[in-house]
Amino acid sequence: MYSVRRPSSQRFIKQYKSVSYKFHAVHGRGHHYVPWKDISGWKCIRCGQCCREYIVSLSYYEALILALKHNAPIIKMKNKYYLMPRADGSCPFLTKIGSVAYCRIYYERPTVCKLYPFYVSNRPVYGKASRAEIIKDGETYYVYVDKVCRGVNRSKNIEEVVRYYIELWKRYTKTT
């Protein structure tokens, strides 16, 4: 049986607090989710901000694969798995060439990374439900976008992007 590597919990907690403090000092409250109808679009600009500022939560399966295949530093706290950030708070798989951010495991990156900056739910969570609601294939979904992301409002493609992220979310929720 395989087990997930567990770096020092104390080191993780210290880094988590440091990253959390740094992010909140710059951005105020961390994530700032708004209904998808309140923005015009989204396009990843490969700034890497999300790879530097957030702690990555993982499913057990993702943690196991990353630990075994990529020797990723994984920690388990309160029955949840996290990717241990570097000392500077960034993702261990983040690489930058010039000003462009790259993920060294892009095609195998965790689901939370694939879904960011979108948050999809079966029920309303933030703000006016009618602004977040979308009906796709006869099902009602509520979609929110993190306005902290620098790629928000960089395009005019929001409905197309939202429909794509709903499909991605549906695939993820079927496997967890």
Protein backbone atom coordinates (compact mmCIF):
# COMPACT_ATOMS: atom_id res chain seq x y z
CA MET A 1 0.00 0.00 0.00
CA TYR A 2 1.20 3.49 -0.83
CA SER A 3 1.18 6.35 1.60
CA VAL A 4 1.44 10.05 1.06
CA ARG A 5 4.63 11.77 2.20
CA ARG A 6 3.97 14.06 5.10
CA PRO A 7 6.40 16.95 5.55
CA SER A 8 6.50 18.66 8.92
CA SER A 9 3.07 19.91 9.95
CA GLN A 10 4.68 22.80 11.81
CA ARG A 11 6.51 23.95 8.67
CA PHE A 12 3.30 23.76 6.65
CA ILE A 13 1.30 25.71 9.24
CA LYS A 14 4.00 28.39 9.37
CA GLN A 15 4.05 28.66 5.56
CA TYR A 16 0.26 28.60 5.35
CA LYS A 17 0.00 31.49 7.80
CA SER A 18 2.75 33.39 5.99
CA VAL A 19 1.15 32.95 2.56
CA SER A 20 -2.29 33.74 3.94
CA TYR A 21 -1.01 36.88 5.66
CA LYS A 22 0.94 38.01 2.59
CA PHE A 23 -2.05 37.52 0.31
CA HIS A 24 -4.49 39.24 2.65
CA ALA A 25 -2.09 42.14 3.18
CA VAL A 26 -2.00 42.74 -0.58
CA HIS A 27 -5.57 41.86 -1.53
CA GLY A 28 -7.56 42.38 1.65
CA ARG A 29 -9.72 39.28 1.88
CA GLY A 30 -8.26 36.60 -0.35
CA HIS A 31 -10.86 35.29 -2.78
CA HIS A 32 -13.57 37.71 -3.88
CA TYR A 33 -16.22 35.68 -5.67
CA VAL A 34 -18.86 37.43 -7.75
CA PRO A 35 -21.67 35.98 -9.91
CA TRP A 36 -20.54 35.19 -13.45
CA LYS A 37 -23.03 37.62 -15.00
CA ASP A 38 -21.19 40.49 -13.29
CA ILE A 39 -18.11 40.06 -15.47
CA SER A 40 -17.57 40.16 -19.24
CA GLY A 41 -15.10 37.33 -19.61
CA TRP A 42 -11.95 35.62 -18.54
CA LYS A 43 -8.64 34.72 -20.09
CA CYS A 44 -5.63 33.29 -18.30
CA ILE A 45 -2.78 35.76 -18.71
CA ARG A 46 -0.25 33.34 -17.19
CA CYS A 47 0.82 35.73 -14.47
CA GLY A 48 1.15 32.90 -11.93
CA GLN A 49 -0.53 34.86 -9.16
CA CYS A 50 -2.83 31.95 -8.29
CA CYS A 51 0.22 29.65 -8.15
CA ARG A 52 1.96 31.94 -5.69
CA GLU A 53 -0.88 33.02 -3.46
CA TYR A 54 -3.07 30.01 -2.70
CA ILE A 55 -2.61 26.76 -0.86
CA VAL A 56 -3.61 23.88 -3.18
CA SER A 57 -6.05 21.37 -1.71
CA LEU A 58 -6.05 17.87 -3.18
CA SER A 59 -8.23 14.80 -3.30
CA TYR A 60 -6.63 11.65 -1.89
CA TYR A 61 -6.15 10.34 -5.43
CA GLU A 62 -4.46 13.57 -6.57
CA ALA A 63 -2.21 13.56 -3.51
CA LEU A 64 -1.20 9.96 -4.13
CA ILE A 65 -0.44 10.51 -7.82
CA LEU A 66 1.55 13.70 -7.19
CA ALA A 67 3.53 12.07 -4.39
CA LEU A 68 4.30 8.89 -6.32
CA LYS A 69 4.83 10.27 -9.81
CA HIS A 70 6.35 13.67 -9.08
CA ASN A 71 7.68 13.24 -5.53
CA ALA A 72 5.53 16.22 -4.55
CA PRO A 73 5.57 17.39 -0.95
CA ILE A 74 2.07 16.54 0.33
CA ILE A 75 0.72 17.14 3.79
CA LYS A 76 -2.39 15.81 5.47
CA MET A 77 -4.12 18.03 8.01
CA LYS A 78 -7.54 17.34 9.51
CA ASN A 79 -8.21 14.59 6.92
CA LYS A 80 -7.50 16.95 4.01
CA TYR A 81 -4.53 16.86 1.67
CA TYR A 82 -2.52 19.87 0.55
CA LEU A 83 0.39 20.51 -1.76
CA MET A 84 3.20 21.91 0.36
CA PRO A 85 4.30 25.28 -1.05
CA ARG A 86 7.91 26.38 -1.41
CA ALA A 87 9.41 28.59 1.26
CA ASP A 88 8.29 31.69 -0.71
CA GLY A 89 4.69 30.40 -0.75
CA SER A 90 4.61 29.42 -4.41
CA CYS A 91 3.58 26.08 -5.87
CA PRO A 92 6.49 23.64 -6.21
CA PHE A 93 5.49 23.11 -9.86
CA LEU A 94 5.46 26.81 -10.81
CA THR A 95 8.16 27.88 -13.21
CA LYS A 96 8.56 31.31 -14.79
CA ILE A 97 10.33 32.17 -17.99
CA GLY A 98 10.55 35.91 -18.20
CA SER A 99 7.18 37.18 -17.06
CA VAL A 100 5.25 34.07 -18.20
CA ALA A 101 4.22 31.46 -15.64
CA TYR A 102 4.27 27.77 -16.54
CA CYS A 103 3.03 24.73 -14.66
CA ARG A 104 5.49 21.84 -14.90
CA ILE A 105 2.60 19.39 -14.49
CA TYR A 106 0.03 21.35 -16.52
CA TYR A 107 -1.75 18.30 -17.97
CA GLU A 108 -1.82 16.61 -14.55
CA ARG A 109 -2.45 19.65 -12.38
CA PRO A 110 -4.94 19.35 -9.50
CA THR A 111 -8.62 19.98 -10.13
CA VAL A 112 -8.68 23.14 -8.01
CA CYS A 113 -6.01 24.54 -10.31
CA LYS A 114 -8.01 23.56 -13.39
CA LEU A 115 -11.16 25.20 -12.04
CA TYR A 116 -9.64 28.45 -10.78
CA PRO A 117 -10.90 31.24 -10.87
CA PHE A 118 -14.35 29.63 -11.19
CA TYR A 119 -16.49 28.21 -8.40
CA VAL A 120 -19.43 26.05 -9.52
CA SER A 121 -22.22 24.86 -7.23
CA ASN A 122 -25.66 23.25 -7.35
CA ARG A 123 -26.97 25.97 -5.05
CA PRO A 124 -26.45 29.72 -4.68
CA VAL A 125 -23.57 30.63 -2.42
CA TYR A 126 -22.55 34.29 -2.88
CA GLY A 127 -24.53 37.38 -3.88
CA LYS A 128 -27.72 37.41 -5.92
CA ALA A 129 -28.65 33.91 -7.04
CA SER A 130 -30.17 35.14 -10.30
CA ARG A 131 -26.82 36.70 -11.33
CA ALA A 132 -24.98 33.40 -10.75
CA GLU A 133 -27.60 31.06 -12.20
CA ILE A 134 -27.18 29.26 -15.50
CA ILE A 135 -29.19 26.38 -16.92
CA LYS A 136 -27.23 23.82 -18.90
CA ASP A 137 -28.65 20.54 -20.19
CA GLY A 138 -31.78 21.05 -18.08
CA GLU A 139 -29.79 21.43 -14.84
CA THR A 140 -29.41 24.62 -12.81
CA TYR A 141 -25.93 25.67 -11.72
CA TYR A 142 -24.56 28.67 -9.87
CA VAL A 143 -21.22 29.95 -11.07
CA TYR A 144 -18.94 32.51 -9.43
CA VAL A 145 -15.65 34.03 -10.52
CA ASP A 146 -12.83 35.21 -8.27
CA LYS A 147 -12.36 38.90 -9.14
CA VAL A 148 -8.88 38.80 -7.61
CA CYS A 149 -7.71 36.91 -10.70
CA ARG A 150 -5.96 39.28 -13.11
CA GLY A 151 -7.50 37.50 -16.11
CA VAL A 152 -11.04 38.59 -15.20
CA ASN A 153 -12.65 40.97 -17.73
CA ARG A 154 -9.81 40.45 -20.24
CA SER A 155 -12.20 39.00 -22.79
CA LYS A 156 -15.87 39.01 -23.84
CA ASN A 157 -16.37 35.24 -23.68
CA ILE A 158 -18.01 34.69 -20.30
CA GLU A 159 -20.96 32.47 -21.25
CA GLU A 160 -18.78 30.16 -23.34
CA VAL A 161 -16.18 29.91 -20.57
CA VAL A 162 -18.82 29.31 -17.87
CA ARG A 163 -20.32 26.43 -19.86
CA TYR A 164 -16.85 24.88 -20.23
CA TYR A 165 -16.17 25.15 -16.48
CA ILE A 166 -19.53 23.58 -15.64
CA GLU A 167 -18.55 20.55 -17.74
CA LEU A 168 -15.16 20.39 -16.04
CA TRP A 169 -16.80 20.62 -12.60
CA LYS A 170 -19.31 17.90 -13.50
CA ARG A 171 -16.46 15.56 -14.54
CA TYR A 172 -14.64 16.27 -11.29
CA THR A 173 -17.67 15.73 -9.05
CA LYS A 174 -18.37 12.37 -10.72
CA THR A 175 -14.89 11.10 -9.81
CA THR A 176 -14.74 12.25 -6.19
